[in-house]
Structure formats: structure tokens, C-alpha cells
C-alpha atoms as a PDB file:
ATOM      1  CA  MET A   1       0.000   0.000   0.000  1.00  0.00           C
ATOM      2  CA  ILE A   2       1.159   3.534  -0.764  1.00  0.00           C
ATOM      3  CA  CYS A   3       0.369   7.168  -0.113  1.00  0.00           C
ATOM      4  CA  ILE A   4      -1.548   8.328  -3.185  1.00  0.00           C
ATOM      5  CA  GLU A   5       0.088  11.772  -2.981  1.00  0.00           C
ATOM      6  CA  CYS A   6       3.817  10.977  -2.687  1.00  0.00           C
ATOM      7  CA  THR A   7       3.702   7.179  -3.364  1.00  0.00           C
ATOM      8  CA  ARG A   8       5.593   6.374  -0.151  1.00  0.00           C
ATOM      9  CA  PRO A   9       4.904   2.791   1.063  1.00  0.00           C
ATOM     10  CA  VAL A  10       2.706   2.623   4.173  1.00  0.00           C
ATOM     11  CA  ASP A  11       1.531  -0.169   6.456  1.00  0.00           C
ATOM     12  CA  SER A  12      -2.171   0.689   6.545  1.00  0.00           C
ATOM     13  CA  LEU A  13      -4.705   3.121   5.103  1.00  0.00           C
ATOM     14  CA  TYR A  14      -6.774   3.592   8.260  1.00  0.00           C
ATOM     15  CA  THR A  15      -7.192   2.488  11.866  1.00  0.00           C
ATOM     16  CA  VAL A  16     -10.409   0.975  13.238  1.00  0.00           C
ATOM     17  CA  TYR A  17     -11.049   1.668  16.938  1.00  0.00           C
ATOM     18  CA  SER A  18     -13.145  -0.355  19.383  1.00  0.00           C
ATOM     19  CA  ASN A  19     -16.190   1.898  18.903  1.00  0.00           C
ATOM     20  CA  LYS A  20     -15.930   1.218  15.137  1.00  0.00           C
ATOM     21  CA  HIS A  21     -14.656   4.715  14.540  1.00  0.00           C
ATOM     22  CA  ILE A  22     -12.275   4.877  11.572  1.00  0.00           C
ATOM     23  CA  GLN A  23      -9.358   7.271  11.406  1.00  0.00           C
ATOM     24  CA  LEU A  24      -7.509   7.693   8.127  1.00  0.00           C
ATOM     25  CA  THR A  25      -3.736   7.360   8.302  1.00  0.00           C
ATOM     26  CA  ASP A  26      -1.525  10.395   7.681  1.00  0.00           C
ATOM     27  CA  CYS A  27       1.578   9.977   5.567  1.00  0.00           C
ATOM     28  CA  PRO A  28       4.771  10.458   7.636  1.00  0.00           C
ATOM     29  CA  GLU A  29       6.526  12.006   4.636  1.00  0.00           C
ATOM     30  CA  CYS A  30       4.104  14.442   2.960  1.00  0.00           C
ATOM     31  CA  LYS A  31       1.764  14.771   5.995  1.00  0.00           C
ATOM     32  CA  SER A  32      -1.316  14.287   3.775  1.00  0.00           C
ATOM     33  CA  VAL A  33      -3.995  11.650   4.249  1.00  0.00           C
ATOM     34  CA  VAL A  34      -2.588   8.436   2.813  1.00  0.00           C
ATOM     35  CA  ASP A  35      -5.701   7.556   0.786  1.00  0.00           C
ATOM     36  CA  ARG A  36      -8.727   9.828   0.997  1.00  0.00           C
ATOM     37  CA  TYR A  37     -10.603   7.709  -1.577  1.00  0.00           C
ATOM     38  CA  VAL A  38     -11.252   5.107   1.117  1.00  0.00           C
ATOM     39  CA  GLU A  39     -14.241   7.238   2.164  1.00  0.00           C
ATOM     40  CA  PHE A  40     -15.259   8.404  -1.319  1.00  0.00           C
ATOM     41  CA  ASP A  41     -18.313   7.226  -3.221  1.00  0.00           C
ATOM     42  CA  ASN A  42     -17.705   5.135  -6.347  1.00  0.00           C
ATOM     43  CA  VAL A  43     -19.368   7.783  -8.524  1.00  0.00           C
ATOM     44  CA  ILE A  44     -16.851  10.412  -7.402  1.00  0.00           C
ATOM     45  CA  LEU A  45     -14.050   7.905  -7.908  1.00  0.00           C
ATOM     46  CA  PHE A  46     -15.264   7.215 -11.459  1.00  0.00           C
ATOM     47  CA  ILE A  47     -15.408  10.934 -12.281  1.00  0.00           C
ATOM     48  CA  ASP A  48     -11.886  11.441 -10.945  1.00  0.00           C
ATOM     49  CA  LEU A  49     -10.683   8.545 -13.116  1.00  0.00           C
ATOM     50  CA  LEU A  50     -12.127  10.267 -16.175  1.00  0.00           C
ATOM     51  CA  LEU A  51     -10.377  13.460 -15.094  1.00  0.00           C
ATOM     52  CA  LEU A  52      -7.107  11.511 -14.794  1.00  0.00           C
ATOM     53  CA  LYS A  53      -6.626  12.372 -11.127  1.00  0.00           C
ATOM     54  CA  PRO A  54      -3.407  10.592 -10.014  1.00  0.00           C
ATOM     55  CA  GLY A  55      -4.828   9.772  -6.592  1.00  0.00           C
ATOM     56  CA  ALA A  56      -7.810   7.930  -8.067  1.00  0.00           C
ATOM     57  CA  TYR A  57      -5.602   5.701 -10.217  1.00  0.00           C
ATOM     58  CA  ARG A  58      -3.155   4.983  -7.393  1.00  0.00           C
ATOM     59  CA  HIS A  59      -5.994   4.179  -5.010  1.00  0.00           C
ATOM     60  CA  LEU A  60      -7.365   1.506  -7.340  1.00  0.00           C
ATOM     61  CA  VAL A  61      -4.250  -0.047  -8.866  1.00  0.00           C
ATOM     62  CA  PHE A  62      -2.167  -0.096  -5.692  1.00  0.00           C
ATOM     63  CA  ASN A  63      -4.236   0.089  -2.519  1.00  0.00           C
ATOM     64  CA  SER A  64      -7.534  -1.410  -3.620  1.00  0.00           C
ATOM     65  CA  LEU A  65      -5.888  -4.176  -5.649  1.00  0.00           C
ATOM     66  CA  GLU A  66      -3.471  -5.116  -2.861  1.00  0.00           C
ATOM     67  CA  GLY A  67      -6.236  -5.036  -0.256  1.00  0.00           C
ATOM     68  CA  ASN A  68      -8.309  -7.469  -2.294  1.00  0.00           C
ATOM     69  CA  SER A  69      -5.340  -9.697  -3.214  1.00  0.00           C
ATOM     70  CA  SER A  70      -4.275 -10.062   0.421  1.00  0.00           C
ATOM     71  CA  LYS A  71      -7.430 -12.096   1.094  1.00  0.00           C
ATOM     72  CA  TYR A  72      -6.134 -14.955  -1.045  1.00  0.00           C
ATOM     73  CA  SER A  73      -3.196 -17.345  -0.769  1.00  0.00           C
ATOM     74  CA  GLU A  74      -0.038 -17.158  -2.843  1.00  0.00           C
ATOM     75  CA  LYS A  75       0.519 -19.508  -5.768  1.00  0.00           C
ATOM     76  CA  HIS A  76       1.470 -23.117  -5.091  1.00  0.00           C
ATOM     77  CA  ALA A  77       4.776 -24.320  -6.480  1.00  0.00           C
ATOM     78  CA  VAL A  78       4.268 -26.558  -9.518  1.00  0.00           C
ATOM     79  CA  LYS A  79       6.473 -29.563  -8.805  1.00  0.00           C
ATOM     80  CA  GLY A  80       6.397 -33.258  -7.973  1.00  0.00           C
ATOM     81  CA  SER A  81       4.597 -35.929  -9.963  1.00  0.00           C
ATOM     82  CA  ILE A  82       2.429 -35.173 -12.990  1.00  0.00           C
ATOM     83  CA  VAL A  83      -0.714 -35.549 -10.874  1.00  0.00           C
ATOM     84  CA  ASP A  84       0.643 -33.118  -8.256  1.00  0.00           C
ATOM     85  CA  MET A  85       1.625 -30.643 -10.966  1.00  0.00           C
ATOM     86  CA  VAL A  86      -1.839 -30.790 -12.539  1.00  0.00           C
ATOM     87  CA  ARG A  87      -3.470 -30.288  -9.134  1.00  0.00           C
ATOM     88  CA  SER A  88      -1.180 -27.341  -8.358  1.00  0.00           C
ATOM     89  CA  MET A  89      -1.891 -25.713 -11.718  1.00  0.00           C
ATOM     90  CA  ALA A  90      -5.645 -26.227 -11.276  1.00  0.00           C
ATOM     91  CA  TRP A  91      -5.485 -24.756  -7.761  1.00  0.00           C
ATOM     92  CA  ASN A  92      -3.413 -21.795  -8.989  1.00  0.00           C
ATOM     93  CA  PHE A  93      -5.860 -21.115 -11.820  1.00  0.00           C
ATOM     94  CA  ASN A  94      -8.870 -21.221  -9.509  1.00  0.00           C
ATOM     95  CA  ASN A  95      -7.095 -18.998  -6.984  1.00  0.00           C
ATOM     96  CA  TRP A  96      -6.190 -16.535  -9.763  1.00  0.00           C
ATOM     97  CA  ARG A  97      -9.800 -16.561 -11.017  1.00  0.00           C
ATOM     98  CA  LEU A  98     -11.158 -15.729  -7.569  1.00  0.00           C
ATOM     99  CA  LYS A  99      -8.389 -13.255  -6.786  1.00  0.00           C
ATOM    100  CA  PHE A 100      -8.935 -11.177  -9.912  1.00  0.00           C
ATOM    101  CA  ASP A 101     -12.602 -11.986 -10.486  1.00  0.00           C
ATOM    102  CA  LYS A 102     -13.706  -8.355 -10.495  1.00  0.00           C
ATOM    103  CA  ILE A 103     -10.966  -7.286 -12.914  1.00  0.00           C
ATOM    104  CA  ASN A 104     -11.653 -10.225 -15.225  1.00  0.00           C
ATOM    105  CA  ARG A 105     -15.347  -9.359 -15.338  1.00  0.00           C
ATOM    106  CA  ILE A 106     -14.523  -5.786 -16.329  1.00  0.00           C
ATOM    107  CA  TRP A 107     -12.161  -7.083 -19.039  1.00  0.00           C
ATOM    108  CA  VAL A 108     -14.952  -9.273 -20.454  1.00  0.00           C
ATOM    109  CA  LEU A 109     -17.374  -6.337 -20.446  1.00  0.00           C
ATOM    110  CA  LEU A 110     -14.821  -4.058 -22.075  1.00  0.00           C
ATOM    111  CA  ILE A 111     -13.979  -6.598 -24.785  1.00  0.00           C
ATOM    112  CA  ALA A 112     -17.706  -7.070 -25.493  1.00  0.00           C
ATOM    113  CA  PHE A 113     -18.050  -3.308 -26.027  1.00  0.00           C
ATOM    114  CA  GLU A 114     -14.905  -3.258 -28.156  1.00  0.00           C
ATOM    115  CA  ILE A 115     -16.219  -6.064 -30.387  1.00  0.00           C
ATOM    116  CA  TYR A 116     -19.463  -4.216 -31.039  1.00  0.00           C
ATOM    117  CA  LEU A 117     -17.742  -0.886 -31.674  1.00  0.00           C
ATOM    118  CA  SER A 118     -15.127  -2.415 -33.981  1.00  0.00           C
ATOM    119  CA  TRP A 119     -17.834  -4.214 -35.923  1.00  0.00           C
ATOM    120  CA  ALA A 120     -19.908  -1.043 -36.382  1.00  0.00           C
ATOM    121  CA  SER A 121     -16.858   1.081 -37.210  1.00  0.00           C
ATOM    122  CA  GLU A 122     -15.430  -1.333 -39.798  1.00  0.00           C
ATOM    123  CA  GLU A 123     -18.806  -1.704 -41.506  1.00  0.00           C
ATOM    124  CA  ARG A 124     -19.122   2.067 -41.769  1.00  0.00           C
ATOM    125  CA  LYS A 125     -15.567   2.521 -43.044  1.00  0.00           C
ATOM    126  CA  TYR A 126     -16.026  -0.228 -45.611  1.00  0.00           C
ATOM    127  CA  SER A 127     -19.301   1.291 -46.830  1.00  0.00           C
ATOM    128  CA  LEU A 128     -17.749   4.745 -47.240  1.00  0.00           C
ATOM    129  CA  TYR A 129     -14.697   3.311 -48.986  1.00  0.00           C
ATOM    130  CA  CYS A 130     -16.896   1.398 -51.440  1.00  0.00           C
ATOM    131  CA  GLU A 131     -18.952   4.524 -52.149  1.00  0.00           C
ATOM    132  CA  ARG A 132     -15.784   6.447 -52.924  1.00  0.00           C
ATOM    133  CA  LYS A 133     -14.085   3.787 -55.055  1.00  0.00           C
ATOM    134  CA  GLY A 134     -17.212   2.262 -56.564  1.00  0.00           C
ATOM    135  CA  TYR A 135     -18.571  -1.147 -55.649  1.00  0.00           C
ATOM    136  CA  ASN A 136     -17.265  -2.651 -58.901  1.00  0.00           C
ATOM    137  CA  ASP A 137     -13.663  -1.620 -58.282  1.00  0.00           C
ATOM    138  CA  PRO A 138     -11.432  -4.743 -58.491  1.00  0.00           C
ATOM    139  CA  SER A 139      -9.386  -3.712 -55.443  1.00  0.00           C
ATOM    140  CA  ILE A 140     -12.460  -4.004 -53.200  1.00  0.00           C
ATOM    141  CA  GLU A 141     -13.001  -7.676 -53.986  1.00  0.00           C
ATOM    142  CA  ASN A 142      -9.742  -8.681 -52.296  1.00  0.00           C
ATOM    143  CA  LEU A 143     -10.210  -6.763 -49.037  1.00  0.00           C
ATOM    144  CA  ILE A 144     -10.639  -8.798 -45.885  1.00  0.00           C
ATOM    145  CA  MET A 145     -13.834  -6.885 -45.016  1.00  0.00           C
ATOM    146  CA  THR A 146     -15.418  -7.863 -48.338  1.00  0.00           C
ATOM    147  CA  LYS A 147     -15.129 -11.498 -47.343  1.00  0.00           C
ATOM    148  CA  VAL A 148     -15.976 -11.055 -43.659  1.00  0.00           C
ATOM    149  CA  LEU A 149     -19.083  -8.906 -44.186  1.00  0.00           C
ATOM    150  CA  GLY A 150     -20.430 -11.544 -46.550  1.00  0.00           C
ATOM    151  CA  TRP A 151     -20.520 -14.090 -43.742  1.00  0.00           C
ATOM    152  CA  SER A 152     -23.395 -14.843 -41.383  1.00  0.00           C
ATOM    153  CA  PRO A 153     -23.735 -12.544 -38.330  1.00  0.00           C
ATOM    154  CA  ILE A 154     -22.409 -15.258 -36.001  1.00  0.00           C
ATOM    155  CA  ARG A 155     -19.239 -15.766 -38.068  1.00  0.00           C
ATOM    156  CA  GLN A 156     -18.793 -11.990 -38.307  1.00  0.00           C
ATOM    157  CA  TYR A 157     -19.062 -11.714 -34.522  1.00  0.00           C
ATOM    158  CA  LEU A 158     -16.494 -14.484 -34.065  1.00  0.00           C
ATOM    159  CA  TYR A 159     -14.135 -12.698 -36.456  1.00  0.00           C
ATOM    160  CA  PHE A 160     -14.331  -9.406 -34.570  1.00  0.00           C
ATOM    161  CA  ALA A 161     -14.129 -11.233 -31.227  1.00  0.00           C
ATOM    162  CA  ILE A 162     -10.862 -12.906 -32.255  1.00  0.00           C
ATOM    163  CA  TYR A 163      -9.609  -9.633 -33.718  1.00  0.00           C
ATOM    164  CA  CYS A 164     -10.304  -7.629 -30.541  1.00  0.00           C
ATOM    165  CA  VAL A 165      -8.908 -10.275 -28.181  1.00  0.00           C
ATOM    166  CA  LEU A 166      -5.720 -10.505 -30.265  1.00  0.00           C
ATOM    167  CA  ASP A 167      -5.425  -6.733 -30.528  1.00  0.00           C
ATOM    168  CA  ILE A 168      -5.850  -6.085 -26.806  1.00  0.00           C
ATOM    169  CA  SER A 169      -3.765  -9.099 -25.726  1.00  0.00           C
ATOM    170  CA  ILE A 170      -0.762  -8.243 -27.903  1.00  0.00           C
ATOM    171  CA  PHE A 171      -0.770  -4.568 -26.951  1.00  0.00           C
ATOM    172  CA  HIS A 172      -1.310  -5.358 -23.267  1.00  0.00           C
ATOM    173  CA  SER A 173       1.469  -7.981 -23.202  1.00  0.00           C
ATOM    174  CA  MET A 174       3.984  -5.838 -25.086  1.00  0.00           C
ATOM    175  CA  THR A 175       3.268  -2.787 -22.921  1.00  0.00           C
ATOM    176  CA  SER A 176       3.607  -4.727 -19.661  1.00  0.00           C
ATOM    177  CA  TYR A 177       6.757  -6.481 -20.865  1.00  0.00           C
ATOM    178  CA  GLY A 178       8.331  -3.228 -22.037  1.00  0.00           C
ATOM    179  CA  ILE A 179       7.712  -1.382 -18.776  1.00  0.00           C
ATOM    180  CA  VAL A 180       8.792  -4.257 -16.512  1.00  0.00           C
ATOM    181  CA  LYS A 181      11.731  -5.615 -18.524  1.00  0.00           C
ATOM    182  CA  LEU A 182      12.987  -2.711 -20.639  1.00  0.00           C
ATOM    183  CA  CYS A 183      12.317   0.120 -18.186  1.00  0.00           C
ATOM    184  CA  HIS A 184      13.111  -2.064 -15.132  1.00  0.00           C
ATOM    185  CA  TRP A 185      10.003  -0.901 -13.279  1.00  0.00           C
ATOM    186  CA  GLY A 186       8.237  -2.811 -10.544  1.00  0.00           C
ATOM    187  CA  LYS A 187      11.111  -4.443  -8.652  1.00  0.00           C
ATOM    188  CA  ASN A 188       9.662  -3.187  -5.371  1.00  0.00           C
ATOM    189  CA  VAL A 189       6.011  -3.369  -6.420  1.00  0.00           C
ATOM    190  CA  LYS A 190       3.899  -6.347  -5.415  1.00  0.00           C
ATOM    191  CA  ASP A 191       2.114  -7.932  -8.398  1.00  0.00           C
ATOM    192  CA  ALA A 192       3.691  -5.412 -10.773  1.00  0.00           C
ATOM    193  CA  ARG A 193       2.180  -6.937 -13.910  1.00  0.00           C
ATOM    194  CA  GLU A 194      -1.299  -7.009 -12.366  1.00  0.00           C
ATOM    195  CA  VAL A 195      -0.884  -3.358 -11.371  1.00  0.00           C
ATOM    196  CA  LEU A 196      -0.046  -2.442 -14.979  1.00  0.00           C
ATOM    197  CA  SER A 197      -2.885  -4.596 -16.272  1.00  0.00           C
ATOM    198  CA  TYR A 198      -5.368  -2.815 -14.012  1.00  0.00           C
ATOM    199  CA  ALA A 199      -4.035   0.600 -15.048  1.00  0.00           C
ATOM    200  CA  ILE A 200      -4.441  -0.264 -18.742  1.00  0.00           C
ATOM    201  CA  LEU A 201      -7.915  -1.637 -18.068  1.00  0.00           C
ATOM    202  CA  LEU A 202      -9.038   1.557 -16.330  1.00  0.00           C
ATOM    203  CA  SER A 203      -7.685   3.748 -19.123  1.00  0.00           C
ATOM    204  CA  TYR A 204      -9.421   1.600 -21.750  1.00  0.00           C
ATOM    205  CA  GLY A 205     -12.737   2.754 -20.296  1.00  0.00           C
ATOM    206  CA  ALA A 206     -12.622   5.831 -22.528  1.00  0.00           C
ATOM    207  CA  LYS A 207     -13.249   3.564 -25.523  1.00  0.00           C
ATOM    208  CA  ILE A 208     -16.789   2.885 -24.317  1.00  0.00           C
ATOM    209  CA  PHE A 209     -17.951   6.437 -25.099  1.00  0.00           C
ATOM    210  CA  PRO A 210     -18.552   5.785 -28.845  1.00  0.00           C
ATOM    211  CA  ILE A 211     -21.560   3.683 -27.733  1.00  0.00           C
ATOM    212  CA  LEU A 212     -23.371   7.007 -27.252  1.00  0.00           C
ATOM    213  CA  MET A 213     -22.530   7.979 -30.832  1.00  0.00           C
ATOM    214  CA  LEU A 214     -24.271   4.854 -32.097  1.00  0.00           C
ATOM    215  CA  ILE A 215     -27.415   5.927 -30.224  1.00  0.00           C
ATOM    216  CA  TRP A 216     -27.180   9.584 -31.288  1.00  0.00           C
ATOM    217  CA  PRO A 217     -25.182   9.403 -34.540  1.00  0.00           C
ATOM    218  CA  TYR A 218     -22.821  12.189 -35.527  1.00  0.00           C
ATOM    219  CA  ASP A 219     -19.999  11.753 -37.996  1.00  0.00           C
ATOM    220  CA  ALA A 220     -19.593   8.276 -36.543  1.00  0.00           C
ATOM    221  CA  VAL A 221     -16.319   7.226 -38.161  1.00  0.00           C
ATOM    222  CA  PHE A 222     -14.556  10.508 -37.477  1.00  0.00           C
ATOM    223  CA  SER A 223     -15.854  10.642 -33.897  1.00  0.00           C
ATOM    224  CA  MET A 224     -14.845   7.051 -33.161  1.00  0.00           C
ATOM    225  CA  SER A 225     -11.391   7.711 -34.558  1.00  0.00           C
ATOM    226  CA  VAL A 226     -10.990  10.736 -32.301  1.00  0.00           C
ATOM    227  CA  ILE A 227     -12.156   8.698 -29.302  1.00  0.00           C
ATOM    228  CA  LYS A 228      -9.566   6.019 -30.106  1.00  0.00           C
ATOM    229  CA  TRP A 229      -6.789   8.600 -30.021  1.00  0.00           C
ATOM    230  CA  VAL A 230      -8.194  10.056 -26.791  1.00  0.00           C
ATOM    231  CA  ALA A 231      -8.164   6.536 -25.310  1.00  0.00           C
ATOM    232  CA  ASN A 232      -4.518   6.189 -26.359  1.00  0.00           C
ATOM    233  CA  LEU A 233      -3.716   9.428 -24.529  1.00  0.00           C
ATOM    234  CA  TYR A 234      -5.530   8.053 -21.476  1.00  0.00           C
ATOM    235  CA  ILE A 235      -3.352   4.933 -21.587  1.00  0.00           C
ATOM    236  CA  ILE A 236      -0.150   6.985 -21.826  1.00  0.00           C
ATOM    237  CA  GLU A 237      -1.139   9.293 -18.983  1.00  0.00           C
ATOM    238  CA  SER A 238      -2.381   6.489 -16.717  1.00  0.00           C
ATOM    239  CA  LEU A 239       0.864   4.542 -17.188  1.00  0.00           C
ATOM    240  CA  ARG A 240       2.850   7.665 -16.340  1.00  0.00           C
ATOM    241  CA  ILE A 241       0.753   8.207 -13.200  1.00  0.00           C
ATOM    242  CA  VAL A 242       1.169   4.628 -12.018  1.00  0.00           C
ATOM    243  CA  THR A 243       4.821   4.065 -12.930  1.00  0.00           C
ATOM    244  CA  LYS A 244       6.115   7.660 -12.520  1.00  0.00           C
ATOM    245  CA  LEU A 245       8.337   7.018 -15.550  1.00  0.00           C
ATOM    246  CA  PRO A 246       9.099   9.978 -17.848  1.00  0.00           C
ATOM    247  CA  TYR A 247       6.828  10.577 -20.836  1.00  0.00           C
ATOM    248  CA  ARG A 248       9.694   9.710 -23.167  1.00  0.00           C
ATOM    249  CA  SER A 249       9.926   6.162 -21.808  1.00  0.00           C
ATOM    250  CA  ILE A 250       6.151   5.663 -21.799  1.00  0.00           C
ATOM    251  CA  LEU A 251       5.861   6.904 -25.391  1.00  0.00           C
ATOM    252  CA  LYS A 252       8.627   4.562 -26.559  1.00  0.00           C
ATOM    253  CA  ILE A 253       6.905   1.564 -24.982  1.00  0.00           C
ATOM    254  CA  PHE A 254       3.514   2.659 -26.305  1.00  0.00           C
ATOM    255  CA  LEU A 255       4.818   3.096 -29.861  1.00  0.00           C
ATOM    256  CA  LEU A 256       6.638  -0.239 -29.698  1.00  0.00           C
ATOM    257  CA  GLY A 257       3.470  -2.020 -28.562  1.00  0.00           C
ATOM    258  CA  SER A 258       1.368  -0.259 -31.202  1.00  0.00           C
ATOM    259  CA  ILE A 259       3.771  -1.149 -34.017  1.00  0.00           C
ATOM    260  CA  ILE A 260       3.941  -4.803 -32.970  1.00  0.00           C
ATOM    261  CA  ARG A 261       0.162  -4.919 -32.645  1.00  0.00           C
ATOM    262  CA  TRP A 262      -0.351  -3.357 -36.076  1.00  0.00           C
ATOM    263  CA  SER A 263       2.221  -5.709 -37.613  1.00  0.00           C
ATOM    264  CA  LEU A 264       0.744  -8.905 -36.174  1.00  0.00           C
ATOM    265  CA  VAL A 265      -3.021  -8.636 -35.765  1.00  0.00           C
ATOM    266  CA  LYS A 266      -4.140  -8.000 -39.351  1.00  0.00           C
ATOM    267  CA  PRO A 267      -1.744 -10.584 -40.884  1.00  0.00           C
ATOM    268  CA  ILE A 268      -2.973 -13.202 -38.393  1.00  0.00           C
ATOM    269  CA  MET A 269      -6.584 -12.412 -39.308  1.00  0.00           C
ATOM    270  CA  VAL A 270      -5.750 -12.662 -43.023  1.00  0.00           C
ATOM    271  CA  VAL A 271      -4.282 -16.130 -42.444  1.00  0.00           C
ATOM    272  CA  LEU A 272      -7.396 -17.195 -40.507  1.00  0.00           C
ATOM    273  CA  VAL A 273      -9.828 -15.784 -43.079  1.00  0.00           C
ATOM    274  CA  THR A 274      -8.027 -17.384 -46.039  1.00  0.00           C
ATOM    275  CA  ARG A 275      -7.433 -20.593 -44.029  1.00  0.00           C
ATOM    276  CA  GLY A 276      -3.767 -20.481 -44.966  1.00  0.00           C
ATOM    277  CA  HIS A 277      -4.306 -20.509 -48.748  1.00  0.00           C
ATOM    278  CA  PHE A 278      -1.075 -18.936 -50.007  1.00  0.00           C
ATOM    279  CA  ASP A 279      -2.362 -17.293 -53.215  1.00  0.00           C
ATOM    280  CA  GLN A 280      -5.373 -15.776 -51.452  1.00  0.00           C
ATOM    281  CA  MET A 281      -3.170 -14.533 -48.624  1.00  0.00           C
ATOM    282  CA  LYS A 282      -0.786 -12.853 -51.054  1.00  0.00           C
ATOM    283  CA  VAL A 283      -3.571 -11.031 -52.914  1.00  0.00           C
ATOM    284  CA  MET A 284      -5.305  -9.997 -49.685  1.00  0.00           C
ATOM    285  CA  PHE A 285      -2.048  -8.761 -48.126  1.00  0.00           C
ATOM    286  CA  VAL A 286      -1.418  -6.540 -51.168  1.00  0.00           C
ATOM    287  CA  SER A 287      -4.960  -5.112 -51.061  1.00  0.00           C
ATOM    288  CA  GLU A 288      -4.801  -4.452 -47.316  1.00  0.00           C
ATOM    289  CA  PHE A 289      -1.402  -2.798 -47.662  1.00  0.00           C
ATOM    290  CA  GLN A 290      -2.705  -0.510 -50.415  1.00  0.00           C
ATOM    291  CA  LEU A 291      -5.710   0.397 -48.272  1.00  0.00           C
ATOM    292  CA  ALA A 292      -3.483   1.100 -45.248  1.00  0.00           C
ATOM    293  CA  LEU A 293      -1.271   3.297 -47.426  1.00  0.00           C
ATOM    294  CA  GLN A 294      -4.267   5.317 -48.581  1.00  0.00           C
ATOM    295  CA  LYS A 295      -5.321   5.866 -44.986  1.00  0.00           C
ATOM    296  CA  PHE A 296      -2.179   7.928 -44.513  1.00  0.00           C
ATOM    297  CA  LEU A 297      -2.152   9.603 -47.924  1.00  0.00           C
ATOM    298  CA  VAL A 298      -5.817  10.537 -48.379  1.00  0.00           C
ATOM    299  CA  MET A 299      -7.198  13.142 -45.992  1.00  0.00           C
ATOM    300  CA  GLU A 300     -10.745  11.874 -45.530  1.00  0.00           C
ATOM    301  CA  ASN A 301     -12.602  11.239 -42.289  1.00  0.00           C
ATOM    302  CA  TYR A 302     -13.157   7.565 -42.952  1.00  0.00           C
ATOM    303  CA  PHE A 303      -9.447   7.012 -43.499  1.00  0.00           C
ATOM    304  CA  LEU A 304      -8.585   8.037 -39.962  1.00  0.00           C
ATOM    305  CA  LEU A 305      -7.133   5.183 -37.910  1.00  0.00           C
END
């Protein structure tokens, strides 16, 4: 646990007396209350998260997470016979599921929103692109969206589900790895990777806002693109708040994760859609590359990333 103002480690956030009176702990270094959000309503906490208040992020990713994790046992060592190893792994998985149940539920909800938004956004972009190029243009026939949007709704949903899970997983893994291994952060932080995961999860909440634009439509593609960039800024700022690393280091890790994500996700989806057929993959790769190139060269709303 830490002081949310100066990040100094502390032993407790508050003291409970015999008459059930609670007194918040003062930080011995900065003399402020260690964590004032202990007494705050969740609505106020949510608003402060949207406003990128450092204290709100530190309260959740450090103090709240550690307080919840302390209720559960540490992982069992995986050793011994095969049966013992299987039992240990099963116990560890169940313990992890219970330990991070709340976070996992939020991840599932967030991914469900992301699938729906990606589906709606890609359909709109594809429609606008076809209107501009003409539906009979040969280059359109070889786009991955031409094939995917011709599928049944269930297969389309599965496509976007795999796409979003891959996209988030690769970016999340690369970002966590870069901060922990390349920036050498978290040596003195308990559950450092879980702390980073929670910080990224909280900052991803900004991506839910385009749901409102589907209810009250504006320039949907442009607005969703702007929201995506705002969400990226949220991720950068939240990682800086949590890690206290300089912006330069955070930006390097963020760009590295984004490049790796962009380089891997679409090619993997092309392989899955074409079922590994080499000639189809080659043609689709060329078409997708040409489309990606136009996104940077043509200044139109629907070309925004």
C-alpha cells in the first residue's frame, strides 16, 4: 500500500477503533492523508478517473488491488509428480480466477463493447470506402472486409471477437513487458504486472464512449477515430501516473506495442480468413497494404485510424 500523494509505502490506510470509529492514516513524509478515496463514493471515484486524477488511479491499482489480493493465498509451487503438478496448476488457476474476479469481469465487459464498436466502425468505413471507389472496383473484392461482411452474423461476430482479443492481448502484453523488462520498473512493487494490467484496463474505459454515438449518430467514423486517439492518450497518462516514468519512456513503450500490434493482428486475421491458402493470402495482403497506405495519404474522415 502507498500514499496516493507521494507514493511512499505505508503499512495501513486507516485504523479501526473499538467503537468502530475509523481514522484515516496520515503519511509520515508528505503529511497528507494516505488515501482519501477510502471514504469516497464510487461515482466520485469514477469521475476522478475520467479526469485523470493521479490519486484515483493509485488508489485503485495499488491500494484497492493489494487489499483485495491479500485475502487470497499465494501460488502453489508446480512440482512433484504429474498428478501433483496438474493439481497445483488447477489450484493456482482457480485462486487466480477468484483473486482477480472483479478485474476479469470488467475485461470481459470491455472486450464485449470493443467487439461491437469495432464491428460497427469497420462496416461504416467499408461502406464509405466502397462509395468512394465504386462497388465494382477490383481492389475491393480482395479486401478482408469484403469477405468477412459476406458471412453470417455469427461468423462476423467471431471474427471481430478474435480480432479484438488478439489486438488487446498483444498490446497489453507488449506494454507490460516493455515497462517491466525494458524500463526495469516494478522491482519493489507487489504484483507489478497485475498493477499495470489494471491501469491499462481503467484507461481503456474511454473507448466505451462511442456507444453514445451509435445511439445519437454524428460523424460516426470521425468521432470514433478521435475517441480512439483520446483513449490512447488516457493509456499513456495512466501509465505515467502509475509508474512515474518519464513521458519519453512511456511513449517509446507505447509506440513499440502499437507497431507490434499493427504488424501482427491484421496478418494473423488474413491467415485465418483465407485458411492459410497462399495465393489468397498474397492477394489480400497486397490489397490491405494498399488500403493502409491510402489511410495515410488521403485526408478523408473515414481514413482516420
